[in-house]
PDB file of all heavy atoms in Angstrom:
ATOM      1  N   ASN A   1      -1.928   4.587   7.682  1.00  0.00           N
ATOM      2  CA  ASN A   1      -3.222   4.509   8.365  1.00  0.00           C
ATOM      3  C   ASN A   1      -4.263   5.184   7.540  1.00  0.00           C
ATOM      4  O   ASN A   1      -4.089   6.323   7.116  1.00  0.00           O
ATOM      5  CB  ASN A   1      -3.185   5.230   9.757  1.00  0.00           C
ATOM      6  CG  ASN A   1      -4.370   4.784  10.602  1.00  0.00           C
ATOM      7  OD1 ASN A   1      -4.880   3.780  10.607  1.00  0.00           O
ATOM      8  ND2 ASN A   1      -4.948   5.857  11.298  1.00  0.00           N
ATOM      9  N   CYS A   2      -5.371   4.523   7.301  1.00  0.00           N
ATOM     10  CA  CYS A   2      -6.465   5.070   6.479  1.00  0.00           C
ATOM     11  C   CYS A   2      -7.769   4.734   7.155  1.00  0.00           C
ATOM     12  O   CYS A   2      -8.353   3.678   6.930  1.00  0.00           O
ATOM     13  CB  CYS A   2      -6.493   4.443   5.051  1.00  0.00           C
ATOM     14  SG  CYS A   2      -7.782   5.134   3.953  1.00  0.00           S
ATOM     15  N   GLU A   3      -8.264   5.582   8.114  1.00  0.00           N
ATOM     16  CA  GLU A   3      -9.451   5.358   8.837  1.00  0.00           C
ATOM     17  C   GLU A   3     -10.666   5.149   8.025  1.00  0.00           C
ATOM     18  O   GLU A   3     -11.570   4.493   8.365  1.00  0.00           O
ATOM     19  CB  GLU A   3      -9.638   6.518   9.855  1.00  0.00           C
ATOM     20  CG  GLU A   3      -8.648   6.467  11.033  1.00  0.00           C
ATOM     21  CD  GLU A   3      -8.847   5.251  11.885  1.00  0.00           C
ATOM     22  OE1 GLU A   3     -10.075   4.810  12.100  1.00  0.00           O
ATOM     23  OE2 GLU A   3      -7.950   4.773  12.498  1.00  0.00           O
ATOM     24  N   ARG A   4     -10.797   5.875   6.867  1.00  0.00           N
ATOM     25  CA  ARG A   4     -11.859   5.801   6.050  1.00  0.00           C
ATOM     26  C   ARG A   4     -12.123   4.439   5.387  1.00  0.00           C
ATOM     27  O   ARG A   4     -13.224   4.091   5.141  1.00  0.00           O
ATOM     28  CB  ARG A   4     -11.694   6.852   4.895  1.00  0.00           C
ATOM     29  CG  ARG A   4     -12.886   6.980   4.010  1.00  0.00           C
ATOM     30  CD  ARG A   4     -12.766   8.153   3.048  1.00  0.00           C
ATOM     31  NE  ARG A   4     -12.921   9.363   3.739  1.00  0.00           N
ATOM     32  CZ  ARG A   4     -12.718  10.595   3.262  1.00  0.00           C
ATOM     33  NH1 ARG A   4     -12.277  10.666   2.038  1.00  0.00           N
ATOM     34  NH2 ARG A   4     -12.908  11.612   3.945  1.00  0.00           N
ATOM     35  N   SER A   5     -10.975   3.612   5.304  1.00  0.00           N
ATOM     36  CA  SER A   5     -11.211   2.289   4.657  1.00  0.00           C
ATOM     37  C   SER A   5     -10.234   1.274   5.323  1.00  0.00           C
ATOM     38  O   SER A   5      -9.005   1.254   4.953  1.00  0.00           O
ATOM     39  CB  SER A   5     -11.085   2.279   3.144  1.00  0.00           C
ATOM     40  OG  SER A   5     -11.007   1.059   2.592  1.00  0.00           O
ATOM     41  N   GLN A   6     -10.754   0.464   6.137  1.00  0.00           N
ATOM     42  CA  GLN A   6      -9.896  -0.567   6.729  1.00  0.00           C
ATOM     43  C   GLN A   6      -9.474  -1.590   5.656  1.00  0.00           C
ATOM     44  O   GLN A   6      -8.414  -2.237   5.679  1.00  0.00           O
ATOM     45  CB  GLN A   6     -10.575  -1.258   7.875  1.00  0.00           C
ATOM     46  CG  GLN A   6     -10.651  -0.436   9.170  1.00  0.00           C
ATOM     47  CD  GLN A   6      -9.322   0.102   9.589  1.00  0.00           C
ATOM     48  OE1 GLN A   6      -8.427  -0.688   9.770  1.00  0.00           O
ATOM     49  NE2 GLN A   6      -9.109   1.357   9.678  1.00  0.00           N
ATOM     50  N   ARG A   7     -10.303  -1.842   4.677  1.00  0.00           N
ATOM     51  CA  ARG A   7      -9.946  -2.681   3.557  1.00  0.00           C
ATOM     52  C   ARG A   7      -8.704  -2.228   2.811  1.00  0.00           C
ATOM     53  O   ARG A   7      -7.765  -3.015   2.578  1.00  0.00           O
ATOM     54  CB  ARG A   7     -11.126  -2.730   2.627  1.00  0.00           C
ATOM     55  CG  ARG A   7     -10.939  -3.441   1.295  1.00  0.00           C
ATOM     56  CD  ARG A   7     -12.204  -3.331   0.440  1.00  0.00           C
ATOM     57  NE  ARG A   7     -11.997  -3.820  -0.851  1.00  0.00           N
ATOM     58  CZ  ARG A   7     -11.544  -3.102  -1.953  1.00  0.00           C
ATOM     59  NH1 ARG A   7     -11.327  -1.749  -1.747  1.00  0.00           N
ATOM     60  NH2 ARG A   7     -11.409  -3.694  -3.067  1.00  0.00           N
ATOM     61  N   VAL A   8      -8.651  -0.957   2.500  1.00  0.00           N
ATOM     62  CA  VAL A   8      -7.487  -0.301   1.853  1.00  0.00           C
ATOM     63  C   VAL A   8      -6.199  -0.459   2.711  1.00  0.00           C
ATOM     64  O   VAL A   8      -5.089  -0.779   2.294  1.00  0.00           O
ATOM     65  CB  VAL A   8      -7.819   1.126   1.502  1.00  0.00           C
ATOM     66  CG1 VAL A   8      -6.573   1.900   1.236  1.00  0.00           C
ATOM     67  CG2 VAL A   8      -8.714   1.196   0.303  1.00  0.00           C
ATOM     68  N   CYS A   9      -6.417  -0.202   4.010  1.00  0.00           N
ATOM     69  CA  CYS A   9      -5.307  -0.269   4.955  1.00  0.00           C
ATOM     70  C   CYS A   9      -4.721  -1.643   5.085  1.00  0.00           C
ATOM     71  O   CYS A   9      -3.578  -1.889   5.097  1.00  0.00           O
ATOM     72  CB  CYS A   9      -5.798   0.332   6.258  1.00  0.00           C
ATOM     73  SG  CYS A   9      -4.481   0.906   7.376  1.00  0.00           S
ATOM     74  N   CYS A  10      -5.667  -2.653   5.278  1.00  0.00           N
ATOM     75  CA  CYS A  10      -5.204  -4.007   5.534  1.00  0.00           C
ATOM     76  C   CYS A  10      -4.623  -4.548   4.309  1.00  0.00           C
ATOM     77  O   CYS A  10      -3.680  -5.411   4.435  1.00  0.00           O
ATOM     78  CB  CYS A  10      -6.459  -4.835   5.924  1.00  0.00           C
ATOM     79  SG  CYS A  10      -6.986  -4.555   7.602  1.00  0.00           S
ATOM     80  N   PHE A  11      -5.072  -4.192   3.101  1.00  0.00           N
ATOM     81  CA  PHE A  11      -4.430  -4.752   1.915  1.00  0.00           C
ATOM     82  C   PHE A  11      -2.980  -4.388   1.846  1.00  0.00           C
ATOM     83  O   PHE A  11      -2.082  -5.177   1.540  1.00  0.00           O
ATOM     84  CB  PHE A  11      -5.164  -4.329   0.661  1.00  0.00           C
ATOM     85  CG  PHE A  11      -4.553  -4.838  -0.612  1.00  0.00           C
ATOM     86  CD1 PHE A  11      -4.712  -6.152  -1.050  1.00  0.00           C
ATOM     87  CD2 PHE A  11      -3.640  -4.052  -1.334  1.00  0.00           C
ATOM     88  CE1 PHE A  11      -4.062  -6.607  -2.113  1.00  0.00           C
ATOM     89  CE2 PHE A  11      -2.958  -4.534  -2.404  1.00  0.00           C
ATOM     90  CZ  PHE A  11      -3.231  -5.813  -2.843  1.00  0.00           C
ATOM     91  N   LEU A  12      -2.611  -3.155   2.073  1.00  0.00           N
ATOM     92  CA  LEU A  12      -1.290  -2.661   2.009  1.00  0.00           C
ATOM     93  C   LEU A  12      -0.425  -3.297   3.111  1.00  0.00           C
ATOM     94  O   LEU A  12       0.686  -3.722   2.839  1.00  0.00           O
ATOM     95  CB  LEU A  12      -1.200  -1.143   2.142  1.00  0.00           C
ATOM     96  CG  LEU A  12       0.236  -0.508   1.965  1.00  0.00           C
ATOM     97  CD1 LEU A  12       0.689  -0.782   0.596  1.00  0.00           C
ATOM     98  CD2 LEU A  12       0.214   0.981   2.295  1.00  0.00           C
ATOM     99  N   LYS A  13      -0.996  -3.415   4.319  1.00  0.00           N
ATOM    100  CA  LYS A  13      -0.148  -3.973   5.409  1.00  0.00           C
ATOM    101  C   LYS A  13      -0.052  -5.501   5.344  1.00  0.00           C
ATOM    102  O   LYS A  13       0.966  -6.019   5.724  1.00  0.00           O
ATOM    103  CB  LYS A  13      -0.851  -3.531   6.773  1.00  0.00           C
ATOM    104  CG  LYS A  13      -0.671  -2.012   7.015  1.00  0.00           C
ATOM    105  CD  LYS A  13      -1.240  -1.757   8.386  1.00  0.00           C
ATOM    106  CE  LYS A  13      -1.011  -0.206   8.740  1.00  0.00           C
ATOM    107  NZ  LYS A  13      -1.582   0.113  10.035  1.00  0.00           N
ATOM    108  N   ILE A  14      -1.113  -6.181   4.914  1.00  0.00           N
ATOM    109  CA  ILE A  14      -1.117  -7.616   5.060  1.00  0.00           C
ATOM    110  C   ILE A  14      -1.329  -8.352   3.735  1.00  0.00           C
ATOM    111  O   ILE A  14      -0.734  -9.382   3.401  1.00  0.00           O
ATOM    112  CB  ILE A  14      -2.207  -8.046   5.972  1.00  0.00           C
ATOM    113  CG1 ILE A  14      -1.984  -7.342   7.417  1.00  0.00           C
ATOM    114  CG2 ILE A  14      -2.312  -9.541   6.187  1.00  0.00           C
ATOM    115  CD1 ILE A  14      -3.168  -7.433   8.322  1.00  0.00           C
ATOM    116  N   GLY A  15      -2.254  -7.842   2.905  1.00  0.00           N
ATOM    117  CA  GLY A  15      -2.804  -8.725   1.795  1.00  0.00           C
ATOM    118  C   GLY A  15      -1.974  -8.640   0.484  1.00  0.00           C
ATOM    119  O   GLY A  15      -2.123  -9.487  -0.345  1.00  0.00           O
ATOM    120  N   HIS A  16      -1.202  -7.608   0.295  1.00  0.00           N
ATOM    121  CA  HIS A  16      -0.612  -7.420  -1.031  1.00  0.00           C
ATOM    122  C   HIS A  16       0.386  -8.481  -1.493  1.00  0.00           C
ATOM    123  O   HIS A  16       0.540  -8.818  -2.616  1.00  0.00           O
ATOM    124  CB  HIS A  16      -0.020  -6.022  -1.159  1.00  0.00           C
ATOM    125  CG  HIS A  16       1.254  -5.890  -0.558  1.00  0.00           C
ATOM    126  ND1 HIS A  16       1.519  -5.533   0.782  1.00  0.00           N
ATOM    127  CD2 HIS A  16       2.642  -6.028  -1.045  1.00  0.00           C
ATOM    128  CE1 HIS A  16       2.748  -5.467   1.104  1.00  0.00           C
ATOM    129  NE2 HIS A  16       3.469  -5.772   0.023  1.00  0.00           N
ATOM    130  N   PRO A  17       1.247  -9.010  -0.455  1.00  0.00           N
ATOM    131  CA  PRO A  17       2.330  -9.979  -1.009  1.00  0.00           C
ATOM    132  C   PRO A  17       1.833 -11.118  -1.876  1.00  0.00           C
ATOM    133  O   PRO A  17       2.455 -11.507  -2.847  1.00  0.00           O
ATOM    134  CB  PRO A  17       2.977 -10.397   0.401  1.00  0.00           C
ATOM    135  CG  PRO A  17       2.724  -9.340   1.325  1.00  0.00           C
ATOM    136  CD  PRO A  17       1.331  -8.819   0.992  1.00  0.00           C
ATOM    137  N   GLU A  18       0.690 -11.683  -1.486  1.00  0.00           N
ATOM    138  CA  GLU A  18       0.213 -12.837  -2.163  1.00  0.00           C
ATOM    139  C   GLU A  18      -0.157 -12.542  -3.608  1.00  0.00           C
ATOM    140  O   GLU A  18       0.152 -13.208  -4.531  1.00  0.00           O
ATOM    141  CB  GLU A  18      -1.015 -13.469  -1.427  1.00  0.00           C
ATOM    142  CG  GLU A  18      -1.519 -14.757  -1.964  1.00  0.00           C
ATOM    143  CD  GLU A  18      -0.629 -15.922  -1.648  1.00  0.00           C
ATOM    144  OE1 GLU A  18       0.326 -15.879  -0.938  1.00  0.00           O
ATOM    145  OE2 GLU A  18      -0.912 -16.995  -2.275  1.00  0.00           O
ATOM    146  N   LEU A  19      -0.918 -11.392  -3.775  1.00  0.00           N
ATOM    147  CA  LEU A  19      -1.222 -11.021  -5.123  1.00  0.00           C
ATOM    148  C   LEU A  19      -0.105 -10.543  -5.966  1.00  0.00           C
ATOM    149  O   LEU A  19      -0.089 -10.877  -7.156  1.00  0.00           O
ATOM    150  CB  LEU A  19      -2.398  -9.842  -5.055  1.00  0.00           C
ATOM    151  CG  LEU A  19      -3.694 -10.291  -4.490  1.00  0.00           C
ATOM    152  CD1 LEU A  19      -4.744  -9.166  -4.602  1.00  0.00           C
ATOM    153  CD2 LEU A  19      -4.292 -11.586  -5.068  1.00  0.00           C
ATOM    154  N   VAL A  20       0.817  -9.868  -5.357  1.00  0.00           N
ATOM    155  CA  VAL A  20       2.026  -9.523  -6.118  1.00  0.00           C
ATOM    156  C   VAL A  20       2.788 -10.781  -6.599  1.00  0.00           C
ATOM    157  O   VAL A  20       3.288 -10.814  -7.678  1.00  0.00           O
ATOM    158  CB  VAL A  20       2.876  -8.463  -5.345  1.00  0.00           C
ATOM    159  CG1 VAL A  20       4.240  -8.248  -5.991  1.00  0.00           C
ATOM    160  CG2 VAL A  20       2.153  -7.198  -5.109  1.00  0.00           C
ATOM    161  N   LYS A  21       2.918 -11.694  -5.619  1.00  0.00           N
ATOM    162  CA  LYS A  21       3.667 -12.947  -5.942  1.00  0.00           C
ATOM    163  C   LYS A  21       3.068 -13.662  -7.135  1.00  0.00           C
ATOM    164  O   LYS A  21       3.782 -14.195  -7.958  1.00  0.00           O
ATOM    165  CB  LYS A  21       3.649 -13.816  -4.662  1.00  0.00           C
ATOM    166  CG  LYS A  21       4.400 -15.179  -4.909  1.00  0.00           C
ATOM    167  CD  LYS A  21       4.375 -15.970  -3.655  1.00  0.00           C
ATOM    168  CE  LYS A  21       3.087 -16.823  -3.591  1.00  0.00           C
ATOM    169  NZ  LYS A  21       3.117 -17.837  -2.536  1.00  0.00           N
ATOM    170  N   TRP A  22       1.731 -13.656  -7.219  1.00  0.00           N
ATOM    171  CA  TRP A  22       1.138 -14.350  -8.296  1.00  0.00           C
ATOM    172  C   TRP A  22       0.842 -13.508  -9.563  1.00  0.00           C
ATOM    173  O   TRP A  22       0.132 -13.913 -10.459  1.00  0.00           O
ATOM    174  CB  TRP A  22      -0.259 -14.916  -7.780  1.00  0.00           C
ATOM    175  CG  TRP A  22      -0.139 -16.166  -6.921  1.00  0.00           C
ATOM    176  CD1 TRP A  22      -0.146 -16.154  -5.492  1.00  0.00           C
ATOM    177  CD2 TRP A  22       0.147 -17.482  -7.283  1.00  0.00           C
ATOM    178  NE1 TRP A  22       0.083 -17.479  -5.112  1.00  0.00           N
ATOM    179  CE2 TRP A  22       0.214 -18.216  -6.161  1.00  0.00           C
ATOM    180  CE3 TRP A  22       0.349 -18.099  -8.545  1.00  0.00           C
ATOM    181  CZ2 TRP A  22       0.540 -19.568  -6.287  1.00  0.00           C
ATOM    182  CZ3 TRP A  22       0.472 -19.440  -8.636  1.00  0.00           C
ATOM    183  CH2 TRP A  22       0.678 -20.175  -7.429  1.00  0.00           C
ATOM    184  N   ASN A  23       1.479 -12.310  -9.574  1.00  0.00           N
ATOM    185  CA  ASN A  23       1.453 -11.444 -10.733  1.00  0.00           C
ATOM    186  C   ASN A  23       0.020 -10.968 -11.005  1.00  0.00           C
ATOM    187  O   ASN A  23      -0.321 -10.652 -12.093  1.00  0.00           O
ATOM    188  CB  ASN A  23       2.019 -12.169 -11.960  1.00  0.00           C
ATOM    189  CG  ASN A  23       2.822 -11.242 -12.789  1.00  0.00           C
ATOM    190  OD1 ASN A  23       3.358 -10.202 -12.266  1.00  0.00           O
ATOM    191  ND2 ASN A  23       2.954 -11.550 -14.058  1.00  0.00           N
ATOM    192  N   TYR A  24      -0.794 -10.788  -9.952  1.00  0.00           N
ATOM    193  CA  TYR A  24      -2.109 -10.321 -10.109  1.00  0.00           C
ATOM    194  C   TYR A  24      -2.140  -8.752 -10.063  1.00  0.00           C
ATOM    195  O   TYR A  24      -3.060  -8.200 -10.501  1.00  0.00           O
ATOM    196  CB  TYR A  24      -3.039 -10.812  -9.034  1.00  0.00           C
ATOM    197  CG  TYR A  24      -3.685 -12.211  -9.299  1.00  0.00           C
ATOM    198  CD1 TYR A  24      -2.947 -13.230  -9.925  1.00  0.00           C
ATOM    199  CD2 TYR A  24      -4.877 -12.500  -8.894  1.00  0.00           C
ATOM    200  CE1 TYR A  24      -3.488 -14.431 -10.185  1.00  0.00           C
ATOM    201  CE2 TYR A  24      -5.508 -13.679  -9.077  1.00  0.00           C
ATOM    202  CZ  TYR A  24      -4.758 -14.598  -9.772  1.00  0.00           C
ATOM    203  OH  TYR A  24      -5.353 -15.944 -10.004  1.00  0.00           O
ATOM    204  N   CYS A  25      -1.180  -8.161  -9.395  1.00  0.00           N
ATOM    205  CA  CYS A  25      -1.099  -6.699  -9.406  1.00  0.00           C
ATOM    206  C   CYS A  25       0.237  -6.160  -9.076  1.00  0.00           C
ATOM    207  O   CYS A  25       1.102  -6.983  -8.748  1.00  0.00           O
ATOM    208  CB  CYS A  25      -2.133  -6.161  -8.291  1.00  0.00           C
ATOM    209  SG  CYS A  25      -1.643  -6.416  -6.599  1.00  0.00           S
ATOM    210  N   ARG A  26       0.364  -4.905  -9.195  1.00  0.00           N
ATOM    211  CA  ARG A  26       1.552  -4.151  -8.785  1.00  0.00           C
ATOM    212  C   ARG A  26       1.129  -3.072  -7.880  1.00  0.00           C
ATOM    213  O   ARG A  26       0.033  -2.471  -7.994  1.00  0.00           O
ATOM    214  CB  ARG A  26       2.351  -3.530  -9.966  1.00  0.00           C
ATOM    215  CG  ARG A  26       3.003  -4.609 -10.908  1.00  0.00           C
ATOM    216  CD  ARG A  26       4.116  -5.269 -10.252  1.00  0.00           C
ATOM    217  NE  ARG A  26       4.738  -6.288 -11.087  1.00  0.00           N
ATOM    218  CZ  ARG A  26       4.399  -7.548 -11.154  1.00  0.00           C
ATOM    219  NH1 ARG A  26       3.519  -8.068 -10.278  1.00  0.00           N
ATOM    220  NH2 ARG A  26       5.012  -8.415 -11.958  1.00  0.00           N
ATOM    221  N   VAL A  27       1.984  -2.716  -6.871  1.00  0.00           N
ATOM    222  CA  VAL A  27       1.650  -1.706  -5.848  1.00  0.00           C
ATOM    223  C   VAL A  27       2.541  -0.491  -6.112  1.00  0.00           C
ATOM    224  O   VAL A  27       3.786  -0.658  -6.082  1.00  0.00           O
ATOM    225  CB  VAL A  27       1.775  -2.261  -4.511  1.00  0.00           C
ATOM    226  CG1 VAL A  27       1.335  -1.167  -3.472  1.00  0.00           C
ATOM    227  CG2 VAL A  27       0.941  -3.510  -4.289  1.00  0.00           C
ATOM    228  N   PHE A  28       1.983   0.714  -6.199  1.00  0.00           N
ATOM    229  CA  PHE A  28       2.673   1.953  -6.362  1.00  0.00           C
ATOM    230  C   PHE A  28       2.443   2.856  -5.252  1.00  0.00           C
ATOM    231  O   PHE A  28       1.197   3.064  -4.936  1.00  0.00           O
ATOM    232  CB  PHE A  28       2.370   2.483  -7.750  1.00  0.00           C
ATOM    233  CG  PHE A  28       2.649   1.628  -8.870  1.00  0.00           C
ATOM    234  CD1 PHE A  28       1.679   0.745  -9.434  1.00  0.00           C
ATOM    235  CD2 PHE A  28       3.966   1.442  -9.414  1.00  0.00           C
ATOM    236  CE1 PHE A  28       1.979  -0.075 -10.485  1.00  0.00           C
ATOM    237  CE2 PHE A  28       4.249   0.569 -10.430  1.00  0.00           C
ATOM    238  CZ  PHE A  28       3.278  -0.246 -10.946  1.00  0.00           C
ATOM    239  N   VAL A  29       3.485   3.447  -4.624  1.00  0.00           N
ATOM    240  CA  VAL A  29       3.274   4.327  -3.505  1.00  0.00           C
ATOM    241  C   VAL A  29       3.779   5.711  -3.762  1.00  0.00           C
ATOM    242  O   VAL A  29       4.714   5.885  -4.526  1.00  0.00           O
ATOM    243  CB  VAL A  29       3.958   3.692  -2.209  1.00  0.00           C
ATOM    244  CG1 VAL A  29       3.458   2.341  -1.906  1.00  0.00           C
ATOM    245  CG2 VAL A  29       5.448   3.677  -2.477  1.00  0.00           C
ATOM    246  N   LEU A  30       3.179   6.698  -3.043  1.00  0.00           N
ATOM    247  CA  LEU A  30       3.564   7.992  -3.139  1.00  0.00           C
ATOM    248  C   LEU A  30       4.350   8.289  -1.833  1.00  0.00           C
ATOM    249  O   LEU A  30       3.724   8.429  -0.821  1.00  0.00           O
ATOM    250  CB  LEU A  30       2.400   8.995  -3.248  1.00  0.00           C
ATOM    251  CG  LEU A  30       2.704  10.435  -3.159  1.00  0.00           C
ATOM    252  CD1 LEU A  30       3.557  10.871  -4.393  1.00  0.00           C
ATOM    253  CD2 LEU A  30       1.370  11.248  -3.191  1.00  0.00           C
ATOM    254  N   PRO A  31       5.670   8.410  -1.977  1.00  0.00           N
ATOM    255  CA  PRO A  31       6.417   8.636  -0.719  1.00  0.00           C
ATOM    256  C   PRO A  31       6.420  10.072  -0.246  1.00  0.00           C
ATOM    257  O   PRO A  31       6.288  10.950  -1.076  1.00  0.00           O
ATOM    258  CB  PRO A  31       7.864   8.218  -1.143  1.00  0.00           C
ATOM    259  CG  PRO A  31       7.927   8.213  -2.585  1.00  0.00           C
ATOM    260  CD  PRO A  31       6.495   8.161  -3.139  1.00  0.00           C
ATOM    261  N   ASP A  32       6.532  10.275   1.009  1.00  0.00           N
ATOM    262  CA  ASP A  32       6.632  11.657   1.554  1.00  0.00           C
ATOM    263  C   ASP A  32       7.953  12.270   1.013  1.00  0.00           C
ATOM    264  O   ASP A  32       8.998  11.662   1.267  1.00  0.00           O
ATOM    265  CB  ASP A  32       6.612  11.544   3.115  1.00  0.00           C
ATOM    266  CG  ASP A  32       6.497  12.896   3.791  1.00  0.00           C
ATOM    267  OD1 ASP A  32       7.055  13.852   3.172  1.00  0.00           O
ATOM    268  OD2 ASP A  32       6.034  12.962   4.912  1.00  0.00           O
ATOM    269  N   PRO A  33       7.871  13.443   0.502  1.00  0.00           N
ATOM    270  CA  PRO A  33       9.165  14.035  -0.080  1.00  0.00           C
ATOM    271  C   PRO A  33      10.204  14.348   1.144  1.00  0.00           C
ATOM    272  O   PRO A  33      11.421  14.317   0.930  1.00  0.00           O
ATOM    273  CB  PRO A  33       8.737  15.329  -0.688  1.00  0.00           C
ATOM    274  CG  PRO A  33       7.343  15.632  -0.207  1.00  0.00           C
ATOM    275  CD  PRO A  33       6.726  14.287   0.150  1.00  0.00           C
ATOM    276  N   ASN A  34       9.707  14.416   2.321  1.00  0.00           N
ATOM    277  CA  ASN A  34      10.574  14.609   3.536  1.00  0.00           C
ATOM    278  C   ASN A  34      11.034  13.425   4.183  1.00  0.00           C
ATOM    279  O   ASN A  34      11.828  13.473   5.114  1.00  0.00           O
ATOM    280  CB  ASN A  34       9.890  15.652   4.497  1.00  0.00           C
ATOM    281  CG  ASN A  34       9.595  16.923   3.817  1.00  0.00           C
ATOM    282  OD1 ASN A  34      10.399  17.578   3.130  1.00  0.00           O
ATOM    283  ND2 ASN A  34       8.319  17.403   3.991  1.00  0.00           N
ATOM    284  N   ASP A  35      10.401  12.291   3.832  1.00  0.00           N
ATOM    285  CA  ASP A  35      10.636  11.068   4.533  1.00  0.00           C
ATOM    286  C   ASP A  35      10.291   9.917   3.562  1.00  0.00           C
ATOM    287  O   ASP A  35       9.181   9.479   3.458  1.00  0.00           O
ATOM    288  CB  ASP A  35       9.924  10.910   5.789  1.00  0.00           C
ATOM    289  CG  ASP A  35      10.143   9.616   6.495  1.00  0.00           C
ATOM    290  OD1 ASP A  35      10.947   8.756   6.036  1.00  0.00           O
ATOM    291  OD2 ASP A  35       9.478   9.378   7.600  1.00  0.00           O
ATOM    292  N   SER A  36      11.214   9.394   2.749  1.00  0.00           N
ATOM    293  CA  SER A  36      10.910   8.525   1.655  1.00  0.00           C
ATOM    294  C   SER A  36      10.303   7.193   2.122  1.00  0.00           C
ATOM    295  O   SER A  36       9.796   6.450   1.328  1.00  0.00           O
ATOM    296  CB  SER A  36      12.211   8.248   0.822  1.00  0.00           C
ATOM    297  OG  SER A  36      13.194   7.679   1.603  1.00  0.00           O
ATOM    298  N   GLY A  37      10.490   6.840   3.389  1.00  0.00           N
ATOM    299  CA  GLY A  37       9.900   5.606   3.910  1.00  0.00           C
ATOM    300  C   GLY A  37       8.453   5.691   4.262  1.00  0.00           C
ATOM    301  O   GLY A  37       7.717   4.718   4.367  1.00  0.00           O
ATOM    302  N   HIS A  38       7.954   6.934   4.492  1.00  0.00           N
ATOM    303  CA  HIS A  38       6.587   7.211   4.846  1.00  0.00           C
ATOM    304  C   HIS A  38       5.679   7.243   3.500  1.00  0.00           C
ATOM    305  O   HIS A  38       6.039   7.917   2.610  1.00  0.00           O
ATOM    306  CB  HIS A  38       6.436   8.495   5.618  1.00  0.00           C
ATOM    307  CG  HIS A  38       5.083   8.821   6.007  1.00  0.00           C
ATOM    308  ND1 HIS A  38       4.330   7.939   6.793  1.00  0.00           N
ATOM    309  CD2 HIS A  38       4.296   9.920   5.766  1.00  0.00           C
ATOM    310  CE1 HIS A  38       3.075   8.489   7.027  1.00  0.00           C
ATOM    311  NE2 HIS A  38       3.068   9.661   6.428  1.00  0.00           N
ATOM    312  N   ILE A  39       4.615   6.481   3.535  1.00  0.00           N
ATOM    313  CA  ILE A  39       3.720   6.384   2.393  1.00  0.00           C
ATOM    314  C   ILE A  39       2.569   7.399   2.599  1.00  0.00           C
ATOM    315  O   ILE A  39       1.817   7.184   3.529  1.00  0.00           O
ATOM    316  CB  ILE A  39       3.234   4.922   2.250  1.00  0.00           C
ATOM    317  CG1 ILE A  39       4.394   4.032   2.012  1.00  0.00           C
ATOM    318  CG2 ILE A  39       2.162   4.885   1.059  1.00  0.00           C
ATOM    319  CD1 ILE A  39       3.995   2.479   2.094  1.00  0.00           C
ATOM    320  N   LEU A  40       2.404   8.308   1.651  1.00  0.00           N
ATOM    321  CA  LEU A  40       1.294   9.228   1.751  1.00  0.00           C
ATOM    322  C   LEU A  40       0.048   8.710   1.115  1.00  0.00           C
ATOM    323  O   LEU A  40      -1.029   9.089   1.361  1.00  0.00           O
ATOM    324  CB  LEU A  40       1.778  10.573   1.034  1.00  0.00           C
ATOM    325  CG  LEU A  40       2.877  11.398   1.665  1.00  0.00           C
ATOM    326  CD1 LEU A  40       3.181  12.655   0.765  1.00  0.00           C
ATOM    327  CD2 LEU A  40       2.473  11.781   3.058  1.00  0.00           C
ATOM    328  N   GLY A  41       0.260   7.848   0.044  1.00  0.00           N
ATOM    329  CA  GLY A  41      -0.891   7.163  -0.547  1.00  0.00           C
ATOM    330  C   GLY A  41      -0.373   6.024  -1.471  1.00  0.00           C
ATOM    331  O   GLY A  41       0.845   5.937  -1.717  1.00  0.00           O
ATOM    332  N   TYR A  42      -1.286   5.276  -1.926  1.00  0.00           N
ATOM    333  CA  TYR A  42      -0.889   4.167  -2.853  1.00  0.00           C
ATOM    334  C   TYR A  42      -2.004   3.711  -3.721  1.00  0.00           C
ATOM    335  O   TYR A  42      -3.189   4.020  -3.510  1.00  0.00           O
ATOM    336  CB  TYR A  42      -0.341   3.006  -2.069  1.00  0.00           C
ATOM    337  CG  TYR A  42      -1.433   2.061  -1.581  1.00  0.00           C
ATOM    338  CD1 TYR A  42      -1.776   0.870  -2.241  1.00  0.00           C
ATOM    339  CD2 TYR A  42      -2.126   2.205  -0.376  1.00  0.00           C
ATOM    340  CE1 TYR A  42      -2.764   0.012  -1.863  1.00  0.00           C
ATOM    341  CE2 TYR A  42      -3.100   1.457   0.067  1.00  0.00           C
ATOM    342  CZ  TYR A  42      -3.410   0.251  -0.636  1.00  0.00           C
ATOM    343  OH  TYR A  42      -4.402  -0.594  -0.218  1.00  0.00           O
ATOM    344  N   TYR A  43      -1.698   3.048  -4.816  1.00  0.00           N
ATOM    345  CA  TYR A  43      -2.717   2.360  -5.614  1.00  0.00           C
ATOM    346  C   TYR A  43      -2.109   1.098  -6.186  1.00  0.00           C
ATOM    347  O   TYR A  43      -0.907   0.862  -6.226  1.00  0.00           O
ATOM    348  CB  TYR A  43      -3.264   3.273  -6.723  1.00  0.00           C
ATOM    349  CG  TYR A  43      -2.170   3.720  -7.770  1.00  0.00           C
ATOM    350  CD1 TYR A  43      -1.873   2.960  -8.863  1.00  0.00           C
ATOM    351  CD2 TYR A  43      -1.580   4.891  -7.660  1.00  0.00           C
ATOM    352  CE1 TYR A  43      -0.877   3.313  -9.760  1.00  0.00           C
ATOM    353  CE2 TYR A  43      -0.600   5.342  -8.649  1.00  0.00           C
ATOM    354  CZ  TYR A  43      -0.336   4.492  -9.615  1.00  0.00           C
ATOM    355  OH  TYR A  43       0.661   4.897 -10.585  1.00  0.00           O
TER     356      TYR A  43
END
């Protein structure tokens, strides 16, 4: 959840698969050290 930017939030949740599939970008996440499934941030 990123209240400051819905654009950033929606891309991670919905928009990234299409761009990754077409080799337009790669997504890198910073996992929570106490819970590797929880994403603290990404670019």
